[in-house]
């Protein structure tokens, strides 16, 4: 009886601690993920529209550690979007004269301490 009562409280406390730790980690990593998604969008855009390569082959141009970044392509607007689910999203659009240009940032600027 006593062991089941301890388990009844231990599991929810561990789950809450895990969720809070994950949220704090994601918040701390947000600036780096914003930078990484912007870099990935621009590199993938150049690979796709200047190099005329398939978007899947463009992943080979990424730096180590960028595996969490997802890519999508919109051929109608010649735009590549890179994102990390629930954290960061950036796009780059191909212009025949200027090449791949990042979209202007539309979020809230991060506050530096």
C-alpha atoms as a PDB file:
ATOM      1  CA  UNK A   1       0.000   0.000   0.000  1.00  0.00           C
ATOM      2  CA  UNK A   2       2.774   2.403   0.919  1.00  0.00           C
ATOM      3  CA  UNK A   3       4.793   1.637  -2.244  1.00  0.00           C
ATOM      4  CA  UNK A   4       1.804   2.310  -4.513  1.00  0.00           C
ATOM      5  CA  UNK A   5       1.190   5.624  -2.747  1.00  0.00           C
ATOM      6  CA  UNK A   6       4.817   6.655  -3.364  1.00  0.00           C
ATOM      7  CA  UNK A   7       4.549   5.661  -7.047  1.00  0.00           C
ATOM      8  CA  UNK A   8       1.286   7.599  -7.319  1.00  0.00           C
ATOM      9  CA  UNK A   9       3.148  10.830  -6.497  1.00  0.00           C
ATOM     10  CA  UNK A  10       6.549  10.050  -8.015  1.00  0.00           C
ATOM     11  CA  UNK A  11       5.447   9.559 -11.627  1.00  0.00           C
ATOM     12  CA  UNK A  12       3.540  12.876 -11.962  1.00  0.00           C
ATOM     13  CA  UNK A  13       6.367  14.787 -10.273  1.00  0.00           C
ATOM     14  CA  UNK A  14       8.918  13.263 -12.662  1.00  0.00           C
ATOM     15  CA  UNK A  15       6.719  14.068 -15.678  1.00  0.00           C
ATOM     16  CA  UNK A  16       6.310  17.688 -14.595  1.00  0.00           C
ATOM     17  CA  UNK A  17      10.053  17.992 -13.996  1.00  0.00           C
ATOM     18  CA  UNK A  18      10.755  16.542 -17.439  1.00  0.00           C
ATOM     19  CA  UNK A  19       8.326  18.948 -19.127  1.00  0.00           C
ATOM     20  CA  UNK A  20       9.740  21.975 -17.293  1.00  0.00           C
ATOM     21  CA  UNK A  21      13.301  20.912 -18.130  1.00  0.00           C
ATOM     22  CA  UNK A  22      12.386  20.463 -21.810  1.00  0.00           C
ATOM     23  CA  UNK A  23      10.697  23.864 -21.934  1.00  0.00           C
ATOM     24  CA  UNK A  24      13.715  25.581 -20.324  1.00  0.00           C
ATOM     25  CA  UNK A  25      16.087  23.843 -22.733  1.00  0.00           C
ATOM     26  CA  UNK A  26      13.997  24.852 -25.770  1.00  0.00           C
ATOM     27  CA  UNK A  27      13.833  28.435 -24.532  1.00  0.00           C
ATOM     28  CA  UNK A  28      17.601  28.557 -24.052  1.00  0.00           C
ATOM     29  CA  UNK A  29      18.215  27.072 -27.522  1.00  0.00           C
ATOM     30  CA  UNK A  30      15.753  29.339 -29.389  1.00  0.00           C
ATOM     31  CA  UNK A  31      18.358  31.926 -30.541  1.00  0.00           C
ATOM     32  CA  UNK A  32      20.604  29.215 -31.973  1.00  0.00           C
ATOM     33  CA  UNK A  33      17.651  27.472 -33.606  1.00  0.00           C
ATOM     34  CA  UNK A  34      16.495  30.748 -35.199  1.00  0.00           C
ATOM     35  CA  UNK A  35      19.974  31.255 -36.617  1.00  0.00           C
ATOM     36  CA  UNK A  36      20.198  27.630 -37.749  1.00  0.00           C
ATOM     37  CA  UNK A  37      16.846  27.703 -39.550  1.00  0.00           C
ATOM     38  CA  UNK A  38      17.752  30.938 -41.355  1.00  0.00           C
ATOM     39  CA  UNK A  39      21.077  29.442 -42.449  1.00  0.00           C
ATOM     40  CA  UNK A  40      19.403  26.193 -43.536  1.00  0.00           C
ATOM     41  CA  UNK A  41      16.749  28.030 -45.566  1.00  0.00           C
ATOM     42  CA  UNK A  42      19.348  30.080 -47.414  1.00  0.00           C
ATOM     43  CA  UNK A  43      21.687  27.137 -48.095  1.00  0.00           C
ATOM     44  CA  UNK A  44      18.828  24.892 -49.218  1.00  0.00           C
ATOM     45  CA  UNK A  45      17.412  27.642 -51.437  1.00  0.00           C
ATOM     46  CA  UNK A  46      20.758  28.087 -53.173  1.00  0.00           C
ATOM     47  CA  UNK A  47      21.150  24.333 -53.533  1.00  0.00           C
ATOM     48  CA  UNK A  48      17.644  23.920 -54.939  1.00  0.00           C
ATOM     49  CA  UNK A  49      17.314  26.916 -57.268  1.00  0.00           C
ATOM     50  CA  UNK A  50      20.893  27.863 -58.134  1.00  0.00           C
ATOM     51  CA  UNK A  51      22.360  24.348 -58.097  1.00  0.00           C
ATOM     52  CA  UNK A  52      19.187  22.779 -59.566  1.00  0.00           C
ATOM     53  CA  UNK A  53      19.407  19.887 -57.109  1.00  0.00           C
ATOM     54  CA  UNK A  54      16.700  17.931 -55.350  1.00  0.00           C
ATOM     55  CA  UNK A  55      15.822  19.229 -51.883  1.00  0.00           C
ATOM     56  CA  UNK A  56      16.726  15.874 -50.281  1.00  0.00           C
ATOM     57  CA  UNK A  57      20.265  16.065 -51.660  1.00  0.00           C
ATOM     58  CA  UNK A  58      20.665  19.542 -50.158  1.00  0.00           C
ATOM     59  CA  UNK A  59      20.806  18.069 -46.647  1.00  0.00           C
ATOM     60  CA  UNK A  60      24.362  16.973 -47.423  1.00  0.00           C
ATOM     61  CA  UNK A  61      25.374  20.658 -47.462  1.00  0.00           C
ATOM     62  CA  UNK A  62      24.317  21.172 -43.829  1.00  0.00           C
ATOM     63  CA  UNK A  63      26.684  21.348 -40.899  1.00  0.00           C
ATOM     64  CA  UNK A  64      26.699  18.583 -38.276  1.00  0.00           C
ATOM     65  CA  UNK A  65      23.985  19.127 -35.680  1.00  0.00           C
ATOM     66  CA  UNK A  66      21.390  20.455 -38.120  1.00  0.00           C
ATOM     67  CA  UNK A  67      19.497  17.166 -38.332  1.00  0.00           C
ATOM     68  CA  UNK A  68      16.486  18.517 -36.384  1.00  0.00           C
ATOM     69  CA  UNK A  69      15.772  21.161 -39.036  1.00  0.00           C
ATOM     70  CA  UNK A  70      12.993  20.259 -41.474  1.00  0.00           C
ATOM     71  CA  UNK A  71      12.774  21.627 -45.041  1.00  0.00           C
ATOM     72  CA  UNK A  72       9.930  22.345 -47.426  1.00  0.00           C
ATOM     73  CA  UNK A  73       9.914  23.753 -50.939  1.00  0.00           C
ATOM     74  CA  UNK A  74       7.323  25.906 -52.715  1.00  0.00           C
ATOM     75  CA  UNK A  75       8.157  25.831 -56.445  1.00  0.00           C
ATOM     76  CA  UNK A  76       5.391  28.339 -57.291  1.00  0.00           C
ATOM     77  CA  UNK A  77       7.091  31.121 -55.308  1.00  0.00           C
ATOM     78  CA  UNK A  78      10.617  29.607 -55.447  1.00  0.00           C
ATOM     79  CA  UNK A  79      10.792  29.636 -51.665  1.00  0.00           C
ATOM     80  CA  UNK A  80      12.449  27.193 -49.282  1.00  0.00           C
ATOM     81  CA  UNK A  81      11.286  27.111 -45.669  1.00  0.00           C
ATOM     82  CA  UNK A  82      13.304  25.606 -42.832  1.00  0.00           C
ATOM     83  CA  UNK A  83      11.783  24.966 -39.433  1.00  0.00           C
ATOM     84  CA  UNK A  84      12.154  23.264 -36.103  1.00  0.00           C
ATOM     85  CA  UNK A  85       8.678  22.204 -34.945  1.00  0.00           C
ATOM     86  CA  UNK A  86       7.139  24.559 -32.375  1.00  0.00           C
ATOM     87  CA  UNK A  87      10.327  26.647 -32.042  1.00  0.00           C
ATOM     88  CA  UNK A  88      11.588  28.413 -35.180  1.00  0.00           C
ATOM     89  CA  UNK A  89      10.679  28.915 -38.850  1.00  0.00           C
ATOM     90  CA  UNK A  90      12.529  30.903 -41.531  1.00  0.00           C
ATOM     91  CA  UNK A  91      12.260  31.134 -45.330  1.00  0.00           C
ATOM     92  CA  UNK A  92      14.475  32.174 -48.220  1.00  0.00           C
ATOM     93  CA  UNK A  93      13.184  33.156 -51.666  1.00  0.00           C
ATOM     94  CA  UNK A  94      15.074  32.868 -54.930  1.00  0.00           C
ATOM     95  CA  UNK A  95      15.389  36.034 -57.011  1.00  0.00           C
ATOM     96  CA  UNK A  96      16.989  35.705 -60.478  1.00  0.00           C
ATOM     97  CA  UNK A  97      19.067  38.853 -59.946  1.00  0.00           C
ATOM     98  CA  UNK A  98      19.873  38.765 -56.220  1.00  0.00           C
ATOM     99  CA  UNK A  99      19.956  34.999 -55.633  1.00  0.00           C
ATOM    100  CA  UNK A 100      18.459  33.524 -52.468  1.00  0.00           C
ATOM    101  CA  UNK A 101      17.353  36.194 -50.041  1.00  0.00           C
ATOM    102  CA  UNK A 102      16.032  35.525 -46.536  1.00  0.00           C
ATOM    103  CA  UNK A 103      12.509  36.651 -45.760  1.00  0.00           C
ATOM    104  CA  UNK A 104      12.323  39.534 -43.277  1.00  0.00           C
ATOM    105  CA  UNK A 105      12.000  38.369 -39.670  1.00  0.00           C
ATOM    106  CA  UNK A 106       8.369  38.712 -38.529  1.00  0.00           C
ATOM    107  CA  UNK A 107       8.643  37.499 -34.936  1.00  0.00           C
ATOM    108  CA  UNK A 108       9.345  39.211 -31.670  1.00  0.00           C
ATOM    109  CA  UNK A 109      13.028  40.072 -31.184  1.00  0.00           C
ATOM    110  CA  UNK A 110      14.687  38.183 -28.375  1.00  0.00           C
ATOM    111  CA  UNK A 111      15.691  40.233 -25.344  1.00  0.00           C
ATOM    112  CA  UNK A 112      19.353  40.090 -24.446  1.00  0.00           C
ATOM    113  CA  UNK A 113      20.276  40.215 -20.808  1.00  0.00           C
END
